Amino acid sequence: PAGTQSGRRIRLRGKGLPRPRGAQP
């Protein structure tokens, strides 16, 4: 987004590490 400051955290849901037994990553 316009006006983004250094250190802002932009989340990409479900793009991290997998969880056991098919839970949401």
PDBML (XML) file of the C-alpha atoms, coordinates in Angstrom:
<?xml version="1.0" encoding="UTF-8" ?>
<PDBx:datablock datablockName="MODEL"
   xmlns:PDBx="http://pdbml.pdb.org/schema/pdbx-v50.xsd"
   xmlns:xsi="http://www.w3.org/2001/XMLSchema-instance"
   xsi:schemaLocation="http://pdbml.pdb.org/schema/pdbx-v50.xsd pdbx-v50.xsd">
   <PDBx:atom_siteCategory>
      <PDBx:atom_site id="1">
         <PDBx:B_iso_or_equiv>0.00</PDBx:B_iso_or_equiv>
         <PDBx:Cartn_x>0.000</PDBx:Cartn_x>
         <PDBx:Cartn_y>0.000</PDBx:Cartn_y>
         <PDBx:Cartn_z>0.000</PDBx:Cartn_z>
         <PDBx:auth_asym_id>A</PDBx:auth_asym_id>
         <PDBx:auth_atom_id>CA</PDBx:auth_atom_id>
         <PDBx:auth_comp_id>PRO</PDBx:auth_comp_id>
         <PDBx:auth_seq_id>1</PDBx:auth_seq_id>
         <PDBx:group_PDB>ATOM</PDBx:group_PDB>
         <PDBx:label_alt_id xsi:nil="true" />
         <PDBx:label_asym_id>A</PDBx:label_asym_id>
         <PDBx:label_atom_id>CA</PDBx:label_atom_id>
         <PDBx:label_comp_id>PRO</PDBx:label_comp_id>
         <PDBx:label_entity_id>1</PDBx:label_entity_id>
         <PDBx:label_seq_id>1</PDBx:label_seq_id>
         <PDBx:occupancy>1.00</PDBx:occupancy>
         <PDBx:pdbx_PDB_model_num>1</PDBx:pdbx_PDB_model_num>
         <PDBx:type_symbol>C</PDBx:type_symbol>
      </PDBx:atom_site>
      <PDBx:atom_site id="2">
         <PDBx:B_iso_or_equiv>0.00</PDBx:B_iso_or_equiv>
         <PDBx:Cartn_x>0.990</PDBx:Cartn_x>
         <PDBx:Cartn_y>3.631</PDBx:Cartn_y>
         <PDBx:Cartn_z>-0.562</PDBx:Cartn_z>
         <PDBx:auth_asym_id>A</PDBx:auth_asym_id>
         <PDBx:auth_atom_id>CA</PDBx:auth_atom_id>
         <PDBx:auth_comp_id>ALA</PDBx:auth_comp_id>
         <PDBx:auth_seq_id>2</PDBx:auth_seq_id>
         <PDBx:group_PDB>ATOM</PDBx:group_PDB>
         <PDBx:label_alt_id xsi:nil="true" />
         <PDBx:label_asym_id>A</PDBx:label_asym_id>
         <PDBx:label_atom_id>CA</PDBx:label_atom_id>
         <PDBx:label_comp_id>ALA</PDBx:label_comp_id>
         <PDBx:label_entity_id>1</PDBx:label_entity_id>
         <PDBx:label_seq_id>2</PDBx:label_seq_id>
         <PDBx:occupancy>1.00</PDBx:occupancy>
         <PDBx:pdbx_PDB_model_num>1</PDBx:pdbx_PDB_model_num>
         <PDBx:type_symbol>C</PDBx:type_symbol>
      </PDBx:atom_site>
      <PDBx:atom_site id="3">
         <PDBx:B_iso_or_equiv>0.00</PDBx:B_iso_or_equiv>
         <PDBx:Cartn_x>2.552</PDBx:Cartn_x>
         <PDBx:Cartn_y>5.176</PDBx:Cartn_y>
         <PDBx:Cartn_z>2.528</PDBx:Cartn_z>
         <PDBx:auth_asym_id>A</PDBx:auth_asym_id>
         <PDBx:auth_atom_id>CA</PDBx:auth_atom_id>
         <PDBx:auth_comp_id>GLY</PDBx:auth_comp_id>
         <PDBx:auth_seq_id>3</PDBx:auth_seq_id>
         <PDBx:group_PDB>ATOM</PDBx:group_PDB>
         <PDBx:label_alt_id xsi:nil="true" />
         <PDBx:label_asym_id>A</PDBx:label_asym_id>
         <PDBx:label_atom_id>CA</PDBx:label_atom_id>
         <PDBx:label_comp_id>GLY</PDBx:label_comp_id>
         <PDBx:label_entity_id>1</PDBx:label_entity_id>
         <PDBx:label_seq_id>3</PDBx:label_seq_id>
         <PDBx:occupancy>1.00</PDBx:occupancy>
         <PDBx:pdbx_PDB_model_num>1</PDBx:pdbx_PDB_model_num>
         <PDBx:type_symbol>C</PDBx:type_symbol>
      </PDBx:atom_site>
      <PDBx:atom_site id="4">
         <PDBx:B_iso_or_equiv>0.00</PDBx:B_iso_or_equiv>
         <PDBx:Cartn_x>4.093</PDBx:Cartn_x>
         <PDBx:Cartn_y>1.919</PDBx:Cartn_y>
         <PDBx:Cartn_z>3.766</PDBx:Cartn_z>
         <PDBx:auth_asym_id>A</PDBx:auth_asym_id>
         <PDBx:auth_atom_id>CA</PDBx:auth_atom_id>
         <PDBx:auth_comp_id>THR</PDBx:auth_comp_id>
         <PDBx:auth_seq_id>4</PDBx:auth_seq_id>
         <PDBx:group_PDB>ATOM</PDBx:group_PDB>
         <PDBx:label_alt_id xsi:nil="true" />
         <PDBx:label_asym_id>A</PDBx:label_asym_id>
         <PDBx:label_atom_id>CA</PDBx:label_atom_id>
         <PDBx:label_comp_id>THR</PDBx:label_comp_id>
         <PDBx:label_entity_id>1</PDBx:label_entity_id>
         <PDBx:label_seq_id>4</PDBx:label_seq_id>
         <PDBx:occupancy>1.00</PDBx:occupancy>
         <PDBx:pdbx_PDB_model_num>1</PDBx:pdbx_PDB_model_num>
         <PDBx:type_symbol>C</PDBx:type_symbol>
      </PDBx:atom_site>
      <PDBx:atom_site id="5">
         <PDBx:B_iso_or_equiv>0.00</PDBx:B_iso_or_equiv>
         <PDBx:Cartn_x>6.613</PDBx:Cartn_x>
         <PDBx:Cartn_y>2.437</PDBx:Cartn_y>
         <PDBx:Cartn_z>6.564</PDBx:Cartn_z>
         <PDBx:auth_asym_id>A</PDBx:auth_asym_id>
         <PDBx:auth_atom_id>CA</PDBx:auth_atom_id>
         <PDBx:auth_comp_id>GLN</PDBx:auth_comp_id>
         <PDBx:auth_seq_id>5</PDBx:auth_seq_id>
         <PDBx:group_PDB>ATOM</PDBx:group_PDB>
         <PDBx:label_alt_id xsi:nil="true" />
         <PDBx:label_asym_id>A</PDBx:label_asym_id>
         <PDBx:label_atom_id>CA</PDBx:label_atom_id>
         <PDBx:label_comp_id>GLN</PDBx:label_comp_id>
         <PDBx:label_entity_id>1</PDBx:label_entity_id>
         <PDBx:label_seq_id>5</PDBx:label_seq_id>
         <PDBx:occupancy>1.00</PDBx:occupancy>
         <PDBx:pdbx_PDB_model_num>1</PDBx:pdbx_PDB_model_num>
         <PDBx:type_symbol>C</PDBx:type_symbol>
      </PDBx:atom_site>
      <PDBx:atom_site id="6">
         <PDBx:B_iso_or_equiv>0.00</PDBx:B_iso_or_equiv>
         <PDBx:Cartn_x>9.755</PDBx:Cartn_x>
         <PDBx:Cartn_y>0.404</PDBx:Cartn_y>
         <PDBx:Cartn_z>7.164</PDBx:Cartn_z>
         <PDBx:auth_asym_id>A</PDBx:auth_asym_id>
         <PDBx:auth_atom_id>CA</PDBx:auth_atom_id>
         <PDBx:auth_comp_id>SER</PDBx:auth_comp_id>
         <PDBx:auth_seq_id>6</PDBx:auth_seq_id>
         <PDBx:group_PDB>ATOM</PDBx:group_PDB>
         <PDBx:label_alt_id xsi:nil="true" />
         <PDBx:label_asym_id>A</PDBx:label_asym_id>
         <PDBx:label_atom_id>CA</PDBx:label_atom_id>
         <PDBx:label_comp_id>SER</PDBx:label_comp_id>
         <PDBx:label_entity_id>1</PDBx:label_entity_id>
         <PDBx:label_seq_id>6</PDBx:label_seq_id>
         <PDBx:occupancy>1.00</PDBx:occupancy>
         <PDBx:pdbx_PDB_model_num>1</PDBx:pdbx_PDB_model_num>
         <PDBx:type_symbol>C</PDBx:type_symbol>
      </PDBx:atom_site>
      <PDBx:atom_site id="7">
         <PDBx:B_iso_or_equiv>0.00</PDBx:B_iso_or_equiv>
         <PDBx:Cartn_x>8.979</PDBx:Cartn_x>
         <PDBx:Cartn_y>-2.527</PDBx:Cartn_y>
         <PDBx:Cartn_z>9.483</PDBx:Cartn_z>
         <PDBx:auth_asym_id>A</PDBx:auth_asym_id>
         <PDBx:auth_atom_id>CA</PDBx:auth_atom_id>
         <PDBx:auth_comp_id>GLY</PDBx:auth_comp_id>
         <PDBx:auth_seq_id>7</PDBx:auth_seq_id>
         <PDBx:group_PDB>ATOM</PDBx:group_PDB>
         <PDBx:label_alt_id xsi:nil="true" />
         <PDBx:label_asym_id>A</PDBx:label_asym_id>
         <PDBx:label_atom_id>CA</PDBx:label_atom_id>
         <PDBx:label_comp_id>GLY</PDBx:label_comp_id>
         <PDBx:label_entity_id>1</PDBx:label_entity_id>
         <PDBx:label_seq_id>7</PDBx:label_seq_id>
         <PDBx:occupancy>1.00</PDBx:occupancy>
         <PDBx:pdbx_PDB_model_num>1</PDBx:pdbx_PDB_model_num>
         <PDBx:type_symbol>C</PDBx:type_symbol>
      </PDBx:atom_site>
      <PDBx:atom_site id="8">
         <PDBx:B_iso_or_equiv>0.00</PDBx:B_iso_or_equiv>
         <PDBx:Cartn_x>5.385</PDBx:Cartn_x>
         <PDBx:Cartn_y>-3.048</PDBx:Cartn_y>
         <PDBx:Cartn_z>8.323</PDBx:Cartn_z>
         <PDBx:auth_asym_id>A</PDBx:auth_asym_id>
         <PDBx:auth_atom_id>CA</PDBx:auth_atom_id>
         <PDBx:auth_comp_id>ARG</PDBx:auth_comp_id>
         <PDBx:auth_seq_id>8</PDBx:auth_seq_id>
         <PDBx:group_PDB>ATOM</PDBx:group_PDB>
         <PDBx:label_alt_id xsi:nil="true" />
         <PDBx:label_asym_id>A</PDBx:label_asym_id>
         <PDBx:label_atom_id>CA</PDBx:label_atom_id>
         <PDBx:label_comp_id>ARG</PDBx:label_comp_id>
         <PDBx:label_entity_id>1</PDBx:label_entity_id>
         <PDBx:label_seq_id>8</PDBx:label_seq_id>
         <PDBx:occupancy>1.00</PDBx:occupancy>
         <PDBx:pdbx_PDB_model_num>1</PDBx:pdbx_PDB_model_num>
         <PDBx:type_symbol>C</PDBx:type_symbol>
      </PDBx:atom_site>
      <PDBx:atom_site id="9">
         <PDBx:B_iso_or_equiv>0.00</PDBx:B_iso_or_equiv>
         <PDBx:Cartn_x>4.355</PDBx:Cartn_x>
         <PDBx:Cartn_y>-6.721</PDBx:Cartn_y>
         <PDBx:Cartn_z>8.341</PDBx:Cartn_z>
         <PDBx:auth_asym_id>A</PDBx:auth_asym_id>
         <PDBx:auth_atom_id>CA</PDBx:auth_atom_id>
         <PDBx:auth_comp_id>ARG</PDBx:auth_comp_id>
         <PDBx:auth_seq_id>9</PDBx:auth_seq_id>
         <PDBx:group_PDB>ATOM</PDBx:group_PDB>
         <PDBx:label_alt_id xsi:nil="true" />
         <PDBx:label_asym_id>A</PDBx:label_asym_id>
         <PDBx:label_atom_id>CA</PDBx:label_atom_id>
         <PDBx:label_comp_id>ARG</PDBx:label_comp_id>
         <PDBx:label_entity_id>1</PDBx:label_entity_id>
         <PDBx:label_seq_id>9</PDBx:label_seq_id>
         <PDBx:occupancy>1.00</PDBx:occupancy>
         <PDBx:pdbx_PDB_model_num>1</PDBx:pdbx_PDB_model_num>
         <PDBx:type_symbol>C</PDBx:type_symbol>
      </PDBx:atom_site>
      <PDBx:atom_site id="10">
         <PDBx:B_iso_or_equiv>0.00</PDBx:B_iso_or_equiv>
         <PDBx:Cartn_x>2.401</PDBx:Cartn_x>
         <PDBx:Cartn_y>-7.832</PDBx:Cartn_y>
         <PDBx:Cartn_z>5.274</PDBx:Cartn_z>
         <PDBx:auth_asym_id>A</PDBx:auth_asym_id>
         <PDBx:auth_atom_id>CA</PDBx:auth_atom_id>
         <PDBx:auth_comp_id>ILE</PDBx:auth_comp_id>
         <PDBx:auth_seq_id>10</PDBx:auth_seq_id>
         <PDBx:group_PDB>ATOM</PDBx:group_PDB>
         <PDBx:label_alt_id xsi:nil="true" />
         <PDBx:label_asym_id>A</PDBx:label_asym_id>
         <PDBx:label_atom_id>CA</PDBx:label_atom_id>
         <PDBx:label_comp_id>ILE</PDBx:label_comp_id>
         <PDBx:label_entity_id>1</PDBx:label_entity_id>
         <PDBx:label_seq_id>10</PDBx:label_seq_id>
         <PDBx:occupancy>1.00</PDBx:occupancy>
         <PDBx:pdbx_PDB_model_num>1</PDBx:pdbx_PDB_model_num>
         <PDBx:type_symbol>C</PDBx:type_symbol>
      </PDBx:atom_site>
      <PDBx:atom_site id="11">
         <PDBx:B_iso_or_equiv>0.00</PDBx:B_iso_or_equiv>
         <PDBx:Cartn_x>0.767</PDBx:Cartn_x>
         <PDBx:Cartn_y>-11.231</PDBx:Cartn_y>
         <PDBx:Cartn_z>5.829</PDBx:Cartn_z>
         <PDBx:auth_asym_id>A</PDBx:auth_asym_id>
         <PDBx:auth_atom_id>CA</PDBx:auth_atom_id>
         <PDBx:auth_comp_id>ARG</PDBx:auth_comp_id>
         <PDBx:auth_seq_id>11</PDBx:auth_seq_id>
         <PDBx:group_PDB>ATOM</PDBx:group_PDB>
         <PDBx:label_alt_id xsi:nil="true" />
         <PDBx:label_asym_id>A</PDBx:label_asym_id>
         <PDBx:label_atom_id>CA</PDBx:label_atom_id>
         <PDBx:label_comp_id>ARG</PDBx:label_comp_id>
         <PDBx:label_entity_id>1</PDBx:label_entity_id>
         <PDBx:label_seq_id>11</PDBx:label_seq_id>
         <PDBx:occupancy>1.00</PDBx:occupancy>
         <PDBx:pdbx_PDB_model_num>1</PDBx:pdbx_PDB_model_num>
         <PDBx:type_symbol>C</PDBx:type_symbol>
      </PDBx:atom_site>
      <PDBx:atom_site id="12">
         <PDBx:B_iso_or_equiv>0.00</PDBx:B_iso_or_equiv>
         <PDBx:Cartn_x>0.417</PDBx:Cartn_x>
         <PDBx:Cartn_y>-13.941</PDBx:Cartn_y>
         <PDBx:Cartn_z>3.222</PDBx:Cartn_z>
         <PDBx:auth_asym_id>A</PDBx:auth_asym_id>
         <PDBx:auth_atom_id>CA</PDBx:auth_atom_id>
         <PDBx:auth_comp_id>LEU</PDBx:auth_comp_id>
         <PDBx:auth_seq_id>12</PDBx:auth_seq_id>
         <PDBx:group_PDB>ATOM</PDBx:group_PDB>
         <PDBx:label_alt_id xsi:nil="true" />
         <PDBx:label_asym_id>A</PDBx:label_asym_id>
         <PDBx:label_atom_id>CA</PDBx:label_atom_id>
         <PDBx:label_comp_id>LEU</PDBx:label_comp_id>
         <PDBx:label_entity_id>1</PDBx:label_entity_id>
         <PDBx:label_seq_id>12</PDBx:label_seq_id>
         <PDBx:occupancy>1.00</PDBx:occupancy>
         <PDBx:pdbx_PDB_model_num>1</PDBx:pdbx_PDB_model_num>
         <PDBx:type_symbol>C</PDBx:type_symbol>
      </PDBx:atom_site>
      <PDBx:atom_site id="13">
         <PDBx:B_iso_or_equiv>0.00</PDBx:B_iso_or_equiv>
         <PDBx:Cartn_x>-2.069</PDBx:Cartn_x>
         <PDBx:Cartn_y>-16.323</PDBx:Cartn_y>
         <PDBx:Cartn_z>4.805</PDBx:Cartn_z>
         <PDBx:auth_asym_id>A</PDBx:auth_asym_id>
         <PDBx:auth_atom_id>CA</PDBx:auth_atom_id>
         <PDBx:auth_comp_id>ARG</PDBx:auth_comp_id>
         <PDBx:auth_seq_id>13</PDBx:auth_seq_id>
         <PDBx:group_PDB>ATOM</PDBx:group_PDB>
         <PDBx:label_alt_id xsi:nil="true" />
         <PDBx:label_asym_id>A</PDBx:label_asym_id>
         <PDBx:label_atom_id>CA</PDBx:label_atom_id>
         <PDBx:label_comp_id>ARG</PDBx:label_comp_id>
         <PDBx:label_entity_id>1</PDBx:label_entity_id>
         <PDBx:label_seq_id>13</PDBx:label_seq_id>
         <PDBx:occupancy>1.00</PDBx:occupancy>
         <PDBx:pdbx_PDB_model_num>1</PDBx:pdbx_PDB_model_num>
         <PDBx:type_symbol>C</PDBx:type_symbol>
      </PDBx:atom_site>
      <PDBx:atom_site id="14">
         <PDBx:B_iso_or_equiv>0.00</PDBx:B_iso_or_equiv>
         <PDBx:Cartn_x>-1.296</PDBx:Cartn_x>
         <PDBx:Cartn_y>-20.045</PDBx:Cartn_y>
         <PDBx:Cartn_z>4.544</PDBx:Cartn_z>
         <PDBx:auth_asym_id>A</PDBx:auth_asym_id>
         <PDBx:auth_atom_id>CA</PDBx:auth_atom_id>
         <PDBx:auth_comp_id>GLY</PDBx:auth_comp_id>
         <PDBx:auth_seq_id>14</PDBx:auth_seq_id>
         <PDBx:group_PDB>ATOM</PDBx:group_PDB>
         <PDBx:label_alt_id xsi:nil="true" />
         <PDBx:label_asym_id>A</PDBx:label_asym_id>
         <PDBx:label_atom_id>CA</PDBx:label_atom_id>
         <PDBx:label_comp_id>GLY</PDBx:label_comp_id>
         <PDBx:label_entity_id>1</PDBx:label_entity_id>
         <PDBx:label_seq_id>14</PDBx:label_seq_id>
         <PDBx:occupancy>1.00</PDBx:occupancy>
         <PDBx:pdbx_PDB_model_num>1</PDBx:pdbx_PDB_model_num>
         <PDBx:type_symbol>C</PDBx:type_symbol>
      </PDBx:atom_site>
      <PDBx:atom_site id="15">
         <PDBx:B_iso_or_equiv>0.00</PDBx:B_iso_or_equiv>
         <PDBx:Cartn_x>2.139</PDBx:Cartn_x>
         <PDBx:Cartn_y>-19.549</PDBx:Cartn_y>
         <PDBx:Cartn_z>2.941</PDBx:Cartn_z>
         <PDBx:auth_asym_id>A</PDBx:auth_asym_id>
         <PDBx:auth_atom_id>CA</PDBx:auth_atom_id>
         <PDBx:auth_comp_id>LYS</PDBx:auth_comp_id>
         <PDBx:auth_seq_id>15</PDBx:auth_seq_id>
         <PDBx:group_PDB>ATOM</PDBx:group_PDB>
         <PDBx:label_alt_id xsi:nil="true" />
         <PDBx:label_asym_id>A</PDBx:label_asym_id>
         <PDBx:label_atom_id>CA</PDBx:label_atom_id>
         <PDBx:label_comp_id>LYS</PDBx:label_comp_id>
         <PDBx:label_entity_id>1</PDBx:label_entity_id>
         <PDBx:label_seq_id>15</PDBx:label_seq_id>
         <PDBx:occupancy>1.00</PDBx:occupancy>
         <PDBx:pdbx_PDB_model_num>1</PDBx:pdbx_PDB_model_num>
         <PDBx:type_symbol>C</PDBx:type_symbol>
      </PDBx:atom_site>
      <PDBx:atom_site id="16">
         <PDBx:B_iso_or_equiv>0.00</PDBx:B_iso_or_equiv>
         <PDBx:Cartn_x>4.156</PDBx:Cartn_x>
         <PDBx:Cartn_y>-20.610</PDBx:Cartn_y>
         <PDBx:Cartn_z>6.021</PDBx:Cartn_z>
         <PDBx:auth_asym_id>A</PDBx:auth_asym_id>
         <PDBx:auth_atom_id>CA</PDBx:auth_atom_id>
         <PDBx:auth_comp_id>GLY</PDBx:auth_comp_id>
         <PDBx:auth_seq_id>16</PDBx:auth_seq_id>
         <PDBx:group_PDB>ATOM</PDBx:group_PDB>
         <PDBx:label_alt_id xsi:nil="true" />
         <PDBx:label_asym_id>A</PDBx:label_asym_id>
         <PDBx:label_atom_id>CA</PDBx:label_atom_id>
         <PDBx:label_comp_id>GLY</PDBx:label_comp_id>
         <PDBx:label_entity_id>1</PDBx:label_entity_id>
         <PDBx:label_seq_id>16</PDBx:label_seq_id>
         <PDBx:occupancy>1.00</PDBx:occupancy>
         <PDBx:pdbx_PDB_model_num>1</PDBx:pdbx_PDB_model_num>
         <PDBx:type_symbol>C</PDBx:type_symbol>
      </PDBx:atom_site>
      <PDBx:atom_site id="17">
         <PDBx:B_iso_or_equiv>0.00</PDBx:B_iso_or_equiv>
         <PDBx:Cartn_x>5.140</PDBx:Cartn_x>
         <PDBx:Cartn_y>-24.071</PDBx:Cartn_y>
         <PDBx:Cartn_z>7.201</PDBx:Cartn_z>
         <PDBx:auth_asym_id>A</PDBx:auth_asym_id>
         <PDBx:auth_atom_id>CA</PDBx:auth_atom_id>
         <PDBx:auth_comp_id>LEU</PDBx:auth_comp_id>
         <PDBx:auth_seq_id>17</PDBx:auth_seq_id>
         <PDBx:group_PDB>ATOM</PDBx:group_PDB>
         <PDBx:label_alt_id xsi:nil="true" />
         <PDBx:label_asym_id>A</PDBx:label_asym_id>
         <PDBx:label_atom_id>CA</PDBx:label_atom_id>
         <PDBx:label_comp_id>LEU</PDBx:label_comp_id>
         <PDBx:label_entity_id>1</PDBx:label_entity_id>
         <PDBx:label_seq_id>17</PDBx:label_seq_id>
         <PDBx:occupancy>1.00</PDBx:occupancy>
         <PDBx:pdbx_PDB_model_num>1</PDBx:pdbx_PDB_model_num>
         <PDBx:type_symbol>C</PDBx:type_symbol>
      </PDBx:atom_site>
      <PDBx:atom_site id="18">
         <PDBx:B_iso_or_equiv>0.00</PDBx:B_iso_or_equiv>
         <PDBx:Cartn_x>2.679</PDBx:Cartn_x>
         <PDBx:Cartn_y>-26.972</PDBx:Cartn_y>
         <PDBx:Cartn_z>7.072</PDBx:Cartn_z>
         <PDBx:auth_asym_id>A</PDBx:auth_asym_id>
         <PDBx:auth_atom_id>CA</PDBx:auth_atom_id>
         <PDBx:auth_comp_id>PRO</PDBx:auth_comp_id>
         <PDBx:auth_seq_id>18</PDBx:auth_seq_id>
         <PDBx:group_PDB>ATOM</PDBx:group_PDB>
         <PDBx:label_alt_id xsi:nil="true" />
         <PDBx:label_asym_id>A</PDBx:label_asym_id>
         <PDBx:label_atom_id>CA</PDBx:label_atom_id>
         <PDBx:label_comp_id>PRO</PDBx:label_comp_id>
         <PDBx:label_entity_id>1</PDBx:label_entity_id>
         <PDBx:label_seq_id>18</PDBx:label_seq_id>
         <PDBx:occupancy>1.00</PDBx:occupancy>
         <PDBx:pdbx_PDB_model_num>1</PDBx:pdbx_PDB_model_num>
         <PDBx:type_symbol>C</PDBx:type_symbol>
      </PDBx:atom_site>
      <PDBx:atom_site id="19">
         <PDBx:B_iso_or_equiv>0.00</PDBx:B_iso_or_equiv>
         <PDBx:Cartn_x>1.010</PDBx:Cartn_x>
         <PDBx:Cartn_y>-28.151</PDBx:Cartn_y>
         <PDBx:Cartn_z>10.249</PDBx:Cartn_z>
         <PDBx:auth_asym_id>A</PDBx:auth_asym_id>
         <PDBx:auth_atom_id>CA</PDBx:auth_atom_id>
         <PDBx:auth_comp_id>ARG</PDBx:auth_comp_id>
         <PDBx:auth_seq_id>19</PDBx:auth_seq_id>
         <PDBx:group_PDB>ATOM</PDBx:group_PDB>
         <PDBx:label_alt_id xsi:nil="true" />
         <PDBx:label_asym_id>A</PDBx:label_asym_id>
         <PDBx:label_atom_id>CA</PDBx:label_atom_id>
         <PDBx:label_comp_id>ARG</PDBx:label_comp_id>
         <PDBx:label_entity_id>1</PDBx:label_entity_id>
         <PDBx:label_seq_id>19</PDBx:label_seq_id>
         <PDBx:occupancy>1.00</PDBx:occupancy>
         <PDBx:pdbx_PDB_model_num>1</PDBx:pdbx_PDB_model_num>
         <PDBx:type_symbol>C</PDBx:type_symbol>
      </PDBx:atom_site>
      <PDBx:atom_site id="20">
         <PDBx:B_iso_or_equiv>0.00</PDBx:B_iso_or_equiv>
         <PDBx:Cartn_x>0.494</PDBx:Cartn_x>
         <PDBx:Cartn_y>-31.807</PDBx:Cartn_y>
         <PDBx:Cartn_z>11.175</PDBx:Cartn_z>
         <PDBx:auth_asym_id>A</PDBx:auth_asym_id>
         <PDBx:auth_atom_id>CA</PDBx:auth_atom_id>
         <PDBx:auth_comp_id>PRO</PDBx:auth_comp_id>
         <PDBx:auth_seq_id>20</PDBx:auth_seq_id>
         <PDBx:group_PDB>ATOM</PDBx:group_PDB>
         <PDBx:label_alt_id xsi:nil="true" />
         <PDBx:label_asym_id>A</PDBx:label_asym_id>
         <PDBx:label_atom_id>CA</PDBx:label_atom_id>
         <PDBx:label_comp_id>PRO</PDBx:label_comp_id>
         <PDBx:label_entity_id>1</PDBx:label_entity_id>
         <PDBx:label_seq_id>20</PDBx:label_seq_id>
         <PDBx:occupancy>1.00</PDBx:occupancy>
         <PDBx:pdbx_PDB_model_num>1</PDBx:pdbx_PDB_model_num>
         <PDBx:type_symbol>C</PDBx:type_symbol>
      </PDBx:atom_site>
      <PDBx:atom_site id="21">
         <PDBx:B_iso_or_equiv>0.00</PDBx:B_iso_or_equiv>
         <PDBx:Cartn_x>-2.664</PDBx:Cartn_x>
         <PDBx:Cartn_y>-33.717</PDBx:Cartn_y>
         <PDBx:Cartn_z>10.244</PDBx:Cartn_z>
         <PDBx:auth_asym_id>A</PDBx:auth_asym_id>
         <PDBx:auth_atom_id>CA</PDBx:auth_atom_id>
         <PDBx:auth_comp_id>ARG</PDBx:auth_comp_id>
         <PDBx:auth_seq_id>21</PDBx:auth_seq_id>
         <PDBx:group_PDB>ATOM</PDBx:group_PDB>
         <PDBx:label_alt_id xsi:nil="true" />
         <PDBx:label_asym_id>A</PDBx:label_asym_id>
         <PDBx:label_atom_id>CA</PDBx:label_atom_id>
         <PDBx:label_comp_id>ARG</PDBx:label_comp_id>
         <PDBx:label_entity_id>1</PDBx:label_entity_id>
         <PDBx:label_seq_id>21</PDBx:label_seq_id>
         <PDBx:occupancy>1.00</PDBx:occupancy>
         <PDBx:pdbx_PDB_model_num>1</PDBx:pdbx_PDB_model_num>
         <PDBx:type_symbol>C</PDBx:type_symbol>
      </PDBx:atom_site>
      <PDBx:atom_site id="22">
         <PDBx:B_iso_or_equiv>0.00</PDBx:B_iso_or_equiv>
         <PDBx:Cartn_x>-3.763</PDBx:Cartn_x>
         <PDBx:Cartn_y>-31.356</PDBx:Cartn_y>
         <PDBx:Cartn_z>7.469</PDBx:Cartn_z>
         <PDBx:auth_asym_id>A</PDBx:auth_asym_id>
         <PDBx:auth_atom_id>CA</PDBx:auth_atom_id>
         <PDBx:auth_comp_id>GLY</PDBx:auth_comp_id>
         <PDBx:auth_seq_id>22</PDBx:auth_seq_id>
         <PDBx:group_PDB>ATOM</PDBx:group_PDB>
         <PDBx:label_alt_id xsi:nil="true" />
         <PDBx:label_asym_id>A</PDBx:label_asym_id>
         <PDBx:label_atom_id>CA</PDBx:label_atom_id>
         <PDBx:label_comp_id>GLY</PDBx:label_comp_id>
         <PDBx:label_entity_id>1</PDBx:label_entity_id>
         <PDBx:label_seq_id>22</PDBx:label_seq_id>
         <PDBx:occupancy>1.00</PDBx:occupancy>
         <PDBx:pdbx_PDB_model_num>1</PDBx:pdbx_PDB_model_num>
         <PDBx:type_symbol>C</PDBx:type_symbol>
      </PDBx:atom_site>
      <PDBx:atom_site id="23">
         <PDBx:B_iso_or_equiv>0.00</PDBx:B_iso_or_equiv>
         <PDBx:Cartn_x>-4.368</PDBx:Cartn_x>
         <PDBx:Cartn_y>-28.284</PDBx:Cartn_y>
         <PDBx:Cartn_z>9.651</PDBx:Cartn_z>
         <PDBx:auth_asym_id>A</PDBx:auth_asym_id>
         <PDBx:auth_atom_id>CA</PDBx:auth_atom_id>
         <PDBx:auth_comp_id>ALA</PDBx:auth_comp_id>
         <PDBx:auth_seq_id>23</PDBx:auth_seq_id>
         <PDBx:group_PDB>ATOM</PDBx:group_PDB>
         <PDBx:label_alt_id xsi:nil="true" />
         <PDBx:label_asym_id>A</PDBx:label_asym_id>
         <PDBx:label_atom_id>CA</PDBx:label_atom_id>
         <PDBx:label_comp_id>ALA</PDBx:label_comp_id>
         <PDBx:label_entity_id>1</PDBx:label_entity_id>
         <PDBx:label_seq_id>23</PDBx:label_seq_id>
         <PDBx:occupancy>1.00</PDBx:occupancy>
         <PDBx:pdbx_PDB_model_num>1</PDBx:pdbx_PDB_model_num>
         <PDBx:type_symbol>C</PDBx:type_symbol>
      </PDBx:atom_site>
      <PDBx:atom_site id="24">
         <PDBx:B_iso_or_equiv>0.00</PDBx:B_iso_or_equiv>
         <PDBx:Cartn_x>-4.105</PDBx:Cartn_x>
         <PDBx:Cartn_y>-24.833</PDBx:Cartn_y>
         <PDBx:Cartn_z>8.048</PDBx:Cartn_z>
         <PDBx:auth_asym_id>A</PDBx:auth_asym_id>
         <PDBx:auth_atom_id>CA</PDBx:auth_atom_id>
         <PDBx:auth_comp_id>GLN</PDBx:auth_comp_id>
         <PDBx:auth_seq_id>24</PDBx:auth_seq_id>
         <PDBx:group_PDB>ATOM</PDBx:group_PDB>
         <PDBx:label_alt_id xsi:nil="true" />
         <PDBx:label_asym_id>A</PDBx:label_asym_id>
         <PDBx:label_atom_id>CA</PDBx:label_atom_id>
         <PDBx:label_comp_id>GLN</PDBx:label_comp_id>
         <PDBx:label_entity_id>1</PDBx:label_entity_id>
         <PDBx:label_seq_id>24</PDBx:label_seq_id>
         <PDBx:occupancy>1.00</PDBx:occupancy>
         <PDBx:pdbx_PDB_model_num>1</PDBx:pdbx_PDB_model_num>
         <PDBx:type_symbol>C</PDBx:type_symbol>
      </PDBx:atom_site>
      <PDBx:atom_site id="25">
         <PDBx:B_iso_or_equiv>0.00</PDBx:B_iso_or_equiv>
         <PDBx:Cartn_x>-0.434</PDBx:Cartn_x>
         <PDBx:Cartn_y>-23.989</PDBx:Cartn_y>
         <PDBx:Cartn_z>7.312</PDBx:Cartn_z>
         <PDBx:auth_asym_id>A</PDBx:auth_asym_id>
         <PDBx:auth_atom_id>CA</PDBx:auth_atom_id>
         <PDBx:auth_comp_id>PRO</PDBx:auth_comp_id>
         <PDBx:auth_seq_id>25</PDBx:auth_seq_id>
         <PDBx:group_PDB>ATOM</PDBx:group_PDB>
         <PDBx:label_alt_id xsi:nil="true" />
         <PDBx:label_asym_id>A</PDBx:label_asym_id>
         <PDBx:label_atom_id>CA</PDBx:label_atom_id>
         <PDBx:label_comp_id>PRO</PDBx:label_comp_id>
         <PDBx:label_entity_id>1</PDBx:label_entity_id>
         <PDBx:label_seq_id>25</PDBx:label_seq_id>
         <PDBx:occupancy>1.00</PDBx:occupancy>
         <PDBx:pdbx_PDB_model_num>1</PDBx:pdbx_PDB_model_num>
         <PDBx:type_symbol>C</PDBx:type_symbol>
      </PDBx:atom_site>
   </PDBx:atom_siteCategory>
</PDBx:datablock>
